[in-house]
């Protein structure tokens, strides 16, 4: 029968033998990595998942052991990846506060109204939008037009044709040839 002392010696020898075998396997893998690295030209492009795996395992080993083992990247890089991984885990996504923006449909409508009716100002466009049940402020309309590069009404270039169309002079005939009714009728 084995006593406790001889059992301890047997376990110590077994652990030593297993540790030696493990060290030999690690040494072989390190040398294999160096040989493979010598055959690869240029920089290795690692995926995010590969970086995460290297960072997790590399952090456990520590900088000193990594400097002996790491052949793909430097120990500092592996530890930086681990710091970024930890920081990303504890960083909460920032919620954007404030009032929601103006709908794209309303933006398009404001720009279309300003383009089709160059004599309309912010207030006139505001009234037209209220007629179609859109509620925006005058300053919002001004901001939309300014962002699109449309100047205010006094600064917008207009032609005579546009001016006449906007003032209601729709007839192509000269004013004197129009028939008149009432007091100023010419017969």
Protein backbone atom coordinates (compact mmCIF):
# COMPACT_ATOMS: atom_id res chain seq x y z
CA UNK A 1 0.00 0.00 0.00
CA UNK A 2 1.14 3.57 -0.73
CA UNK A 3 1.50 5.93 2.19
CA UNK A 4 0.79 9.70 2.00
CA UNK A 5 4.43 10.70 1.45
CA UNK A 6 5.00 8.41 -1.49
CA UNK A 7 1.65 9.52 -2.97
CA UNK A 8 2.80 13.16 -2.74
CA UNK A 9 6.07 12.31 -4.50
CA UNK A 10 4.20 10.46 -7.22
CA UNK A 11 1.83 13.42 -7.75
CA UNK A 12 4.72 15.90 -7.80
CA UNK A 13 6.56 13.82 -10.42
CA UNK A 14 3.38 13.51 -12.51
CA UNK A 15 2.70 17.27 -12.29
CA UNK A 16 6.33 18.03 -13.20
CA UNK A 17 6.17 15.67 -16.17
CA UNK A 18 2.85 17.21 -17.36
CA UNK A 19 4.22 20.73 -16.88
CA UNK A 20 7.31 19.84 -18.89
CA UNK A 21 5.18 18.37 -21.68
CA UNK A 22 3.02 21.48 -21.67
CA UNK A 23 6.09 23.75 -21.84
CA UNK A 24 7.42 21.72 -24.77
CA UNK A 25 4.08 22.06 -26.59
CA UNK A 26 4.04 25.83 -25.98
CA UNK A 27 7.66 26.14 -27.17
CA UNK A 28 6.77 24.20 -30.33
CA UNK A 29 3.75 26.45 -31.01
CA UNK A 30 5.82 29.59 -30.48
CA UNK A 31 8.43 28.40 -32.95
CA UNK A 32 5.74 27.38 -35.43
CA UNK A 33 4.19 30.87 -35.18
CA UNK A 34 7.56 32.49 -35.84
CA UNK A 35 8.10 30.35 -38.93
CA UNK A 36 4.60 31.10 -40.26
CA UNK A 37 5.06 34.80 -39.52
CA UNK A 38 8.27 34.73 -41.58
CA UNK A 39 6.31 33.46 -44.58
CA UNK A 40 3.61 36.14 -44.36
CA UNK A 41 4.46 39.35 -46.19
CA UNK A 42 3.12 42.69 -44.99
CA UNK A 43 0.70 43.35 -42.22
CA UNK A 44 -1.84 40.85 -40.98
CA UNK A 45 -5.42 42.10 -41.03
CA UNK A 46 -7.20 40.71 -37.99
CA UNK A 47 -10.96 40.78 -37.54
CA UNK A 48 -12.52 42.30 -34.45
CA UNK A 49 -13.32 38.84 -33.10
CA UNK A 50 -9.70 37.73 -33.53
CA UNK A 51 -8.47 40.86 -31.74
CA UNK A 52 -10.88 40.22 -28.88
CA UNK A 53 -9.72 36.62 -28.52
CA UNK A 54 -6.06 37.64 -28.49
CA UNK A 55 -6.81 40.43 -26.00
CA UNK A 56 -8.61 38.09 -23.58
CA UNK A 57 -5.88 35.46 -23.62
CA UNK A 58 -3.03 37.97 -23.71
CA UNK A 59 -4.30 39.88 -20.68
CA UNK A 60 -4.20 36.70 -18.60
CA UNK A 61 -0.56 36.11 -19.53
CA UNK A 62 0.70 39.61 -18.72
CA UNK A 63 3.22 41.85 -20.47
CA UNK A 64 6.39 39.91 -19.55
CA UNK A 65 5.12 36.54 -20.78
CA UNK A 66 3.59 38.16 -23.89
CA UNK A 67 6.96 39.66 -24.82
CA UNK A 68 8.35 36.10 -24.95
CA UNK A 69 5.39 34.60 -26.82
CA UNK A 70 3.67 37.19 -29.01
CA UNK A 71 4.82 37.14 -32.62
CA UNK A 72 1.88 38.63 -34.54
CA UNK A 73 1.62 41.94 -32.66
CA UNK A 74 3.45 43.60 -29.80
CA UNK A 75 2.41 43.03 -26.19
CA UNK A 76 1.48 46.71 -25.89
CA UNK A 77 -0.97 46.33 -28.77
CA UNK A 78 -2.59 43.27 -27.23
CA UNK A 79 -2.96 44.98 -23.87
CA UNK A 80 -4.35 48.11 -25.56
CA UNK A 81 -6.95 45.95 -27.30
CA UNK A 82 -7.90 44.55 -23.90
CA UNK A 83 -8.27 48.03 -22.40
CA UNK A 84 -10.49 49.06 -25.32
CA UNK A 85 -12.53 45.87 -24.92
CA UNK A 86 -13.13 46.60 -21.25
CA UNK A 87 -13.92 50.26 -21.97
CA UNK A 88 -16.42 49.27 -24.67
CA UNK A 89 -18.13 46.87 -22.29
CA UNK A 90 -18.76 49.57 -19.68
CA UNK A 91 -19.56 52.42 -22.02
CA UNK A 92 -23.28 53.04 -22.35
CA UNK A 93 -24.57 54.37 -25.64
CA UNK A 94 -25.34 58.04 -25.32
CA UNK A 95 -28.96 58.79 -25.89
CA UNK A 96 -29.59 61.83 -28.00
CA UNK A 97 -31.94 64.11 -26.14
CA UNK A 98 -33.98 67.03 -27.26
CA UNK A 99 -36.81 67.61 -29.59
CA UNK A 100 -37.13 65.35 -32.63
CA UNK A 101 -36.20 66.89 -35.96
CA UNK A 102 -38.52 68.04 -38.70
CA UNK A 103 -39.91 65.31 -40.93
CA UNK A 104 -38.26 64.85 -44.32
CA UNK A 105 -41.68 65.20 -45.96
CA UNK A 106 -42.13 68.68 -44.45
CA UNK A 107 -38.61 69.70 -45.49
CA UNK A 108 -39.30 68.68 -49.09
CA UNK A 109 -42.63 70.49 -49.03
CA UNK A 110 -41.07 73.72 -47.73
CA UNK A 111 -38.35 73.61 -50.39
CA UNK A 112 -40.87 72.85 -53.14
CA UNK A 113 -43.11 75.74 -52.06
CA UNK A 114 -40.17 78.14 -51.99
CA UNK A 115 -39.00 76.99 -55.42
CA UNK A 116 -42.42 77.12 -57.10
CA UNK A 117 -43.38 80.43 -55.45
CA UNK A 118 -40.24 82.56 -55.20
CA UNK A 119 -42.16 85.59 -53.93
CA UNK A 120 -43.46 83.74 -50.89
CA UNK A 121 -41.76 84.55 -47.63
CA UNK A 122 -41.52 82.47 -44.48
CA UNK A 123 -44.91 83.58 -43.19
CA UNK A 124 -46.72 82.77 -46.47
CA UNK A 125 -45.12 79.32 -46.58
CA UNK A 126 -46.15 78.87 -42.94
CA UNK A 127 -49.79 79.65 -43.84
CA UNK A 128 -49.71 77.23 -46.77
CA UNK A 129 -48.34 74.50 -44.51
CA UNK A 130 -51.08 75.15 -41.94
CA UNK A 131 -53.65 74.73 -44.72
CA UNK A 132 -52.38 71.18 -45.25
CA UNK A 133 -52.27 70.46 -41.47
CA UNK A 134 -48.51 70.69 -40.91
CA UNK A 135 -47.50 72.56 -37.77
CA UNK A 136 -44.05 74.12 -37.91
CA UNK A 137 -42.79 77.50 -36.79
CA UNK A 138 -41.65 80.40 -38.95
CA UNK A 139 -38.10 80.03 -37.64
CA UNK A 140 -38.09 76.34 -38.61
CA UNK A 141 -39.03 77.29 -42.17
CA UNK A 142 -36.24 79.89 -42.18
CA UNK A 143 -33.76 77.30 -40.89
CA UNK A 144 -34.81 74.73 -43.55
CA UNK A 145 -34.44 77.23 -46.38
CA UNK A 146 -31.13 78.55 -45.04
CA UNK A 147 -29.74 75.00 -44.78
CA UNK A 148 -30.77 74.39 -48.40
CA UNK A 149 -29.09 77.61 -49.52
CA UNK A 150 -32.32 79.45 -50.37
CA UNK A 151 -32.02 83.15 -49.43
CA UNK A 152 -34.86 85.20 -47.90
CA UNK A 153 -37.44 86.70 -50.29
CA UNK A 154 -35.89 90.18 -50.71
CA UNK A 155 -32.57 88.58 -51.66
CA UNK A 156 -33.99 85.96 -54.04
CA UNK A 157 -33.49 86.72 -57.72
CA UNK A 158 -36.83 87.07 -59.53
CA UNK A 159 -37.65 87.78 -63.14
CA UNK A 160 -40.44 90.06 -64.41
CA UNK A 161 -42.36 87.01 -65.58
CA UNK A 162 -42.21 85.57 -62.07
CA UNK A 163 -43.21 88.90 -60.55
CA UNK A 164 -46.21 89.29 -62.90
CA UNK A 165 -47.28 85.71 -62.31
CA UNK A 166 -47.15 86.30 -58.55
CA UNK A 167 -49.11 89.58 -58.66
CA UNK A 168 -52.04 88.17 -60.61
CA UNK A 169 -51.39 89.71 -64.03
CA UNK A 170 -52.09 86.51 -65.91
CA UNK A 171 -53.29 87.84 -69.23
CA UNK A 172 -50.79 88.09 -72.06
CA UNK A 173 -52.69 90.96 -73.72
CA UNK A 174 -51.69 94.55 -72.98
CA UNK A 175 -53.68 96.26 -70.23
CA UNK A 176 -55.29 98.83 -72.61
CA UNK A 177 -56.82 96.14 -74.83
CA UNK A 178 -58.62 94.38 -71.99
CA UNK A 179 -62.39 94.83 -71.95
CA UNK A 180 -63.63 96.74 -68.94
CA UNK A 181 -67.02 96.71 -67.34
CA UNK A 182 -68.49 99.34 -65.11
CA UNK A 183 -67.58 103.01 -64.72
CA UNK A 184 -64.25 103.00 -66.50
CA UNK A 185 -65.50 101.01 -69.48
CA UNK A 186 -64.27 102.16 -72.84
CA UNK A 187 -66.81 101.51 -75.64
